[in-house]
C-alpha atoms as a PDB file:
ATOM      1  CA  UNK A   1    -134.329-101.731  16.423  1.00  0.00           C
ATOM      2  CA  UNK A   2    -131.008-101.219  18.117  1.00  0.00           C
ATOM      3  CA  UNK A   3    -129.971 -98.096  19.990  1.00  0.00           C
ATOM      4  CA  UNK A   4    -126.299 -97.243  20.539  1.00  0.00           C
ATOM      5  CA  UNK A   5    -125.083 -94.422  22.761  1.00  0.00           C
ATOM      6  CA  UNK A   6    -122.503 -92.490  20.695  1.00  0.00           C
ATOM      7  CA  UNK A   7    -122.045 -89.629  23.162  1.00  0.00           C
ATOM      8  CA  UNK A   8    -118.393 -90.536  23.823  1.00  0.00           C
ATOM      9  CA  UNK A   9    -117.672 -90.742  20.096  1.00  0.00           C
ATOM     10  CA  UNK A  10    -119.203 -87.294  19.523  1.00  0.00           C
ATOM     11  CA  UNK A  11    -117.220 -85.840  22.448  1.00  0.00           C
ATOM     12  CA  UNK A  12    -113.987 -87.341  21.058  1.00  0.00           C
ATOM     13  CA  UNK A  13    -114.736 -85.940  17.598  1.00  0.00           C
ATOM     14  CA  UNK A  14    -115.360 -82.470  19.065  1.00  0.00           C
ATOM     15  CA  UNK A  15    -112.097 -82.644  21.053  1.00  0.00           C
ATOM     16  CA  UNK A  16    -110.241 -83.617  17.871  1.00  0.00           C
ATOM     17  CA  UNK A  17    -111.802 -80.718  15.945  1.00  0.00           C
ATOM     18  CA  UNK A  18    -110.795 -78.342  18.739  1.00  0.00           C
ATOM     19  CA  UNK A  19    -107.206 -79.667  18.689  1.00  0.00           C
ATOM     20  CA  UNK A  20    -107.057 -79.213  14.912  1.00  0.00           C
ATOM     21  CA  UNK A  21    -108.334 -75.631  15.256  1.00  0.00           C
ATOM     22  CA  UNK A  22    -105.698 -74.823  17.884  1.00  0.00           C
ATOM     23  CA  UNK A  23    -102.857 -76.248  15.778  1.00  0.00           C
ATOM     24  CA  UNK A  24    -104.099 -74.534  12.629  1.00  0.00           C
ATOM     25  CA  UNK A  25    -104.408 -71.168  14.391  1.00  0.00           C
ATOM     26  CA  UNK A  26    -100.659 -71.192  15.102  1.00  0.00           C
ATOM     27  CA  UNK A  27     -98.269 -69.253  12.878  1.00  0.00           C
ATOM     28  CA  UNK A  28     -95.610 -71.907  13.517  1.00  0.00           C
ATOM     29  CA  UNK A  29     -95.086 -74.556  10.878  1.00  0.00           C
ATOM     30  CA  UNK A  30     -96.088 -77.923  12.362  1.00  0.00           C
ATOM     31  CA  UNK A  31     -96.007 -81.429  10.986  1.00  0.00           C
ATOM     32  CA  UNK A  32     -95.759 -85.059  12.038  1.00  0.00           C
ATOM     33  CA  UNK A  33     -93.525 -87.532  10.198  1.00  0.00           C
ATOM     34  CA  UNK A  34     -93.334 -91.299  10.510  1.00  0.00           C
ATOM     35  CA  UNK A  35     -90.059 -93.248  10.832  1.00  0.00           C
ATOM     36  CA  UNK A  36     -89.716 -93.289   7.021  1.00  0.00           C
ATOM     37  CA  UNK A  37     -89.815 -89.466   6.807  1.00  0.00           C
ATOM     38  CA  UNK A  38     -93.356 -89.539   5.388  1.00  0.00           C
ATOM     39  CA  UNK A  39     -95.712 -86.719   6.353  1.00  0.00           C
ATOM     40  CA  UNK A  40     -98.673 -87.871   8.437  1.00  0.00           C
ATOM     41  CA  UNK A  41    -100.194 -84.430   9.026  1.00  0.00           C
ATOM     42  CA  UNK A  42     -99.363 -80.727   8.626  1.00  0.00           C
ATOM     43  CA  UNK A  43    -100.966 -77.511   9.821  1.00  0.00           C
ATOM     44  CA  UNK A  44    -102.209 -74.584   7.746  1.00  0.00           C
ATOM     45  CA  UNK A  45     -99.064 -72.462   8.271  1.00  0.00           C
ATOM     46  CA  UNK A  46     -96.982 -75.304   6.814  1.00  0.00           C
ATOM     47  CA  UNK A  47     -99.284 -75.490   3.790  1.00  0.00           C
ATOM     48  CA  UNK A  48     -99.149 -71.717   3.247  1.00  0.00           C
ATOM     49  CA  UNK A  49     -95.347 -71.594   3.364  1.00  0.00           C
ATOM     50  CA  UNK A  50     -95.008 -74.443   0.889  1.00  0.00           C
ATOM     51  CA  UNK A  51     -97.917 -73.249  -1.273  1.00  0.00           C
ATOM     52  CA  UNK A  52     -99.351 -76.783  -1.284  1.00  0.00           C
ATOM     53  CA  UNK A  53    -102.520 -78.619  -0.319  1.00  0.00           C
ATOM     54  CA  UNK A  54    -102.651 -81.345   2.338  1.00  0.00           C
ATOM     55  CA  UNK A  55    -102.933 -83.921  -0.437  1.00  0.00           C
ATOM     56  CA  UNK A  56     -99.695 -82.559  -1.951  1.00  0.00           C
ATOM     57  CA  UNK A  57     -97.809 -83.163   1.324  1.00  0.00           C
ATOM     58  CA  UNK A  58     -99.474 -85.809   3.509  1.00  0.00           C
ATOM     59  CA  UNK A  59     -98.353 -89.270   2.395  1.00  0.00           C
ATOM     60  CA  UNK A  60     -95.248 -87.872   0.688  1.00  0.00           C
ATOM     61  CA  UNK A  61     -91.670 -87.811   1.949  1.00  0.00           C
ATOM     62  CA  UNK A  62     -89.653 -84.851   3.216  1.00  0.00           C
ATOM     63  CA  UNK A  63     -87.295 -85.381   0.259  1.00  0.00           C
ATOM     64  CA  UNK A  64     -90.276 -85.095  -2.118  1.00  0.00           C
ATOM     65  CA  UNK A  65     -91.214 -81.735  -0.606  1.00  0.00           C
ATOM     66  CA  UNK A  66     -87.846 -80.113   0.147  1.00  0.00           C
ATOM     67  CA  UNK A  67     -85.771 -81.825  -2.527  1.00  0.00           C
ATOM     68  CA  UNK A  68     -83.319 -84.684  -2.124  1.00  0.00           C
ATOM     69  CA  UNK A  69     -80.300 -82.376  -1.727  1.00  0.00           C
ATOM     70  CA  UNK A  70     -81.779 -80.316   1.146  1.00  0.00           C
ATOM     71  CA  UNK A  71     -83.117 -83.484   2.763  1.00  0.00           C
ATOM     72  CA  UNK A  72     -79.763 -85.312   2.664  1.00  0.00           C
ATOM     73  CA  UNK A  73     -77.490 -82.371   3.528  1.00  0.00           C
ATOM     74  CA  UNK A  74     -79.618 -80.479   6.049  1.00  0.00           C
ATOM     75  CA  UNK A  75     -82.610 -82.308   7.473  1.00  0.00           C
ATOM     76  CA  UNK A  76     -81.991 -86.071   7.522  1.00  0.00           C
ATOM     77  CA  UNK A  77     -79.229 -86.049  10.154  1.00  0.00           C
ATOM     78  CA  UNK A  78     -81.371 -84.021  12.539  1.00  0.00           C
ATOM     79  CA  UNK A  79     -84.371 -86.286  11.954  1.00  0.00           C
ATOM     80  CA  UNK A  80     -82.274 -89.383  12.627  1.00  0.00           C
ATOM     81  CA  UNK A  81     -81.049 -87.913  15.919  1.00  0.00           C
ATOM     82  CA  UNK A  82     -84.668 -87.241  16.865  1.00  0.00           C
ATOM     83  CA  UNK A  83     -85.747 -90.747  15.883  1.00  0.00           C
ATOM     84  CA  UNK A  84     -83.106 -92.048  18.298  1.00  0.00           C
ATOM     85  CA  UNK A  85     -84.795 -90.127  21.142  1.00  0.00           C
ATOM     86  CA  UNK A  86     -83.188 -86.673  21.141  1.00  0.00           C
ATOM     87  CA  UNK A  87     -85.071 -83.373  20.945  1.00  0.00           C
ATOM     88  CA  UNK A  88     -83.201 -81.475  18.229  1.00  0.00           C
ATOM     89  CA  UNK A  89     -83.098 -77.702  17.687  1.00  0.00           C
ATOM     90  CA  UNK A  90     -81.391 -75.764  14.912  1.00  0.00           C
ATOM     91  CA  UNK A  91     -81.735 -72.615  12.821  1.00  0.00           C
ATOM     92  CA  UNK A  92     -81.519 -72.564   9.029  1.00  0.00           C
ATOM     93  CA  UNK A  93     -82.401 -70.482   5.982  1.00  0.00           C
ATOM     94  CA  UNK A  94     -85.110 -72.162   3.887  1.00  0.00           C
ATOM     95  CA  UNK A  95     -86.682 -71.145   0.576  1.00  0.00           C
ATOM     96  CA  UNK A  96     -90.460 -71.518   0.649  1.00  0.00           C
ATOM     97  CA  UNK A  97     -92.603 -71.098  -2.485  1.00  0.00           C
ATOM     98  CA  UNK A  98     -95.329 -69.323  -0.485  1.00  0.00           C
ATOM     99  CA  UNK A  99     -93.291 -67.072   1.824  1.00  0.00           C
ATOM    100  CA  UNK A 100     -89.819 -66.827   0.273  1.00  0.00           C
ATOM    101  CA  UNK A 101     -86.355 -66.976   1.854  1.00  0.00           C
ATOM    102  CA  UNK A 102     -86.947 -67.366   5.604  1.00  0.00           C
ATOM    103  CA  UNK A 103     -84.757 -68.091   8.639  1.00  0.00           C
ATOM    104  CA  UNK A 104     -86.484 -70.752  10.722  1.00  0.00           C
ATOM    105  CA  UNK A 105     -85.834 -71.969  14.255  1.00  0.00           C
ATOM    106  CA  UNK A 106     -86.678 -75.657  13.923  1.00  0.00           C
ATOM    107  CA  UNK A 107     -87.375 -78.146  16.713  1.00  0.00           C
ATOM    108  CA  UNK A 108     -87.883 -81.881  16.257  1.00  0.00           C
ATOM    109  CA  UNK A 109     -89.525 -83.816  19.089  1.00  0.00           C
ATOM    110  CA  UNK A 110     -89.641 -87.628  19.244  1.00  0.00           C
ATOM    111  CA  UNK A 111     -93.226 -88.802  18.759  1.00  0.00           C
ATOM    112  CA  UNK A 112     -93.711 -91.548  21.324  1.00  0.00           C
ATOM    113  CA  UNK A 113     -96.516 -94.076  21.428  1.00  0.00           C
ATOM    114  CA  UNK A 114     -98.096 -95.086  24.750  1.00  0.00           C
ATOM    115  CA  UNK A 115     -95.460 -97.775  25.393  1.00  0.00           C
ATOM    116  CA  UNK A 116     -92.648 -95.260  24.808  1.00  0.00           C
ATOM    117  CA  UNK A 117     -91.670 -96.518  21.338  1.00  0.00           C
ATOM    118  CA  UNK A 118     -90.667 -93.672  19.017  1.00  0.00           C
ATOM    119  CA  UNK A 119     -92.844 -93.901  15.932  1.00  0.00           C
ATOM    120  CA  UNK A 120     -92.006 -90.600  14.303  1.00  0.00           C
ATOM    121  CA  UNK A 121     -91.131 -86.930  14.664  1.00  0.00           C
ATOM    122  CA  UNK A 122     -93.194 -83.906  15.619  1.00  0.00           C
ATOM    123  CA  UNK A 123     -91.724 -80.901  13.842  1.00  0.00           C
ATOM    124  CA  UNK A 124     -92.317 -77.285  14.836  1.00  0.00           C
ATOM    125  CA  UNK A 125     -90.590 -74.305  13.277  1.00  0.00           C
ATOM    126  CA  UNK A 126     -90.893 -70.613  13.945  1.00  0.00           C
ATOM    127  CA  UNK A 127     -90.045 -67.849  11.474  1.00  0.00           C
ATOM    128  CA  UNK A 128     -87.211 -65.754  12.957  1.00  0.00           C
ATOM    129  CA  UNK A 129     -86.233 -63.952   9.758  1.00  0.00           C
ATOM    130  CA  UNK A 130     -86.616 -60.410  11.062  1.00  0.00           C
ATOM    131  CA  UNK A 131     -84.806 -61.213  14.312  1.00  0.00           C
ATOM    132  CA  UNK A 132     -81.971 -62.910  12.390  1.00  0.00           C
ATOM    133  CA  UNK A 133     -81.656 -59.939  10.020  1.00  0.00           C
ATOM    134  CA  UNK A 134     -81.565 -57.585  13.014  1.00  0.00           C
ATOM    135  CA  UNK A 135     -78.924 -59.698  14.772  1.00  0.00           C
ATOM    136  CA  UNK A 136     -76.820 -59.835  11.611  1.00  0.00           C
ATOM    137  CA  UNK A 137     -77.134 -56.055  11.134  1.00  0.00           C
ATOM    138  CA  UNK A 138     -76.052 -55.483  14.742  1.00  0.00           C
ATOM    139  CA  UNK A 139     -72.975 -57.688  14.279  1.00  0.00           C
ATOM    140  CA  UNK A 140     -72.109 -55.842  11.062  1.00  0.00           C
ATOM    141  CA  UNK A 141     -72.579 -52.466  12.772  1.00  0.00           C
ATOM    142  CA  UNK A 142     -70.327 -53.522  15.662  1.00  0.00           C
ATOM    143  CA  UNK A 143     -67.650 -54.664  13.216  1.00  0.00           C
ATOM    144  CA  UNK A 144     -67.776 -51.274  11.444  1.00  0.00           C
ATOM    145  CA  UNK A 145     -67.550 -49.433  14.768  1.00  0.00           C
ATOM    146  CA  UNK A 146     -64.490 -51.467  15.787  1.00  0.00           C
ATOM    147  CA  UNK A 147     -62.808 -50.646  12.450  1.00  0.00           C
ATOM    148  CA  UNK A 148     -63.487 -46.936  12.974  1.00  0.00           C
ATOM    149  CA  UNK A 149     -62.221 -46.990  16.578  1.00  0.00           C
ATOM    150  CA  UNK A 150     -59.129 -48.973  15.581  1.00  0.00           C
ATOM    151  CA  UNK A 151     -58.336 -46.336  12.961  1.00  0.00           C
ATOM    152  CA  UNK A 152     -58.234 -43.472  15.463  1.00  0.00           C
ATOM    153  CA  UNK A 153     -54.895 -42.061  16.662  1.00  0.00           C
ATOM    154  CA  UNK A 154     -56.230 -41.636  20.191  1.00  0.00           C
ATOM    155  CA  UNK A 155     -56.556 -44.169  22.987  1.00  0.00           C
ATOM    156  CA  UNK A 156     -60.050 -45.623  23.273  1.00  0.00           C
ATOM    157  CA  UNK A 157     -61.096 -48.318  25.670  1.00  0.00           C
ATOM    158  CA  UNK A 158     -64.303 -49.597  27.221  1.00  0.00           C
ATOM    159  CA  UNK A 159     -64.406 -50.965  30.763  1.00  0.00           C
ATOM    160  CA  UNK A 160     -67.100 -52.470  32.956  1.00  0.00           C
ATOM    161  CA  UNK A 161     -67.779 -49.863  35.670  1.00  0.00           C
ATOM    162  CA  UNK A 162     -68.560 -52.498  38.308  1.00  0.00           C
ATOM    163  CA  UNK A 163     -65.804 -55.062  37.714  1.00  0.00           C
ATOM    164  CA  UNK A 164     -63.263 -52.694  36.069  1.00  0.00           C
ATOM    165  CA  UNK A 165     -62.743 -55.382  33.452  1.00  0.00           C
ATOM    166  CA  UNK A 166     -61.501 -54.037  30.117  1.00  0.00           C
ATOM    167  CA  UNK A 167     -64.024 -54.983  27.444  1.00  0.00           C
ATOM    168  CA  UNK A 168     -62.439 -53.289  24.427  1.00  0.00           C
ATOM    169  CA  UNK A 169     -59.146 -51.637  23.497  1.00  0.00           C
ATOM    170  CA  UNK A 170     -58.608 -49.968  20.174  1.00  0.00           C
ATOM    171  CA  UNK A 171     -55.360 -50.540  18.252  1.00  0.00           C
ATOM    172  CA  UNK A 172     -53.772 -47.256  19.380  1.00  0.00           C
ATOM    173  CA  UNK A 173     -54.379 -48.159  23.043  1.00  0.00           C
ATOM    174  CA  UNK A 174     -52.802 -51.585  22.519  1.00  0.00           C
ATOM    175  CA  UNK A 175     -49.706 -49.977  21.013  1.00  0.00           C
ATOM    176  CA  UNK A 176     -49.409 -47.549  23.944  1.00  0.00           C
ATOM    177  CA  UNK A 177     -49.494 -50.332  26.505  1.00  0.00           C
END
């Protein structure tokens, strides 16, 4: 008989399982692509958003999943920048079959092998839909307030109390001065 000590193999397998559990516990969408834009792995949040199984995504291209139009017009340029060594960040509205119309903050990181060669892209995206909607509502509210203040026949201005810098003048104030 032959005896082989597989302790190191078992420890490596347990570490890999733990890494998978950590990645899959995240609410962020995570995936790894190769240089040909083919999915190598995805986490559970990514699967949920796309309403797909791993077999539906892994081994397939980004264009297959998101559609050729979205891939060419939105994603490909960012991926190419990442494949040339740049960490790329952007925000965009995406339509997901599993979670609907969502605003995502997306980050692409170059996936480097031990020698430093870039062999793909690590993608992470975080759902910022509610924050984006709140920001947009605040901008809209500020625009309405400015319209109301500009319509008044009295002078209205806002100044910084510390620097005395004028931050806002309504239309009537501008006409007076």
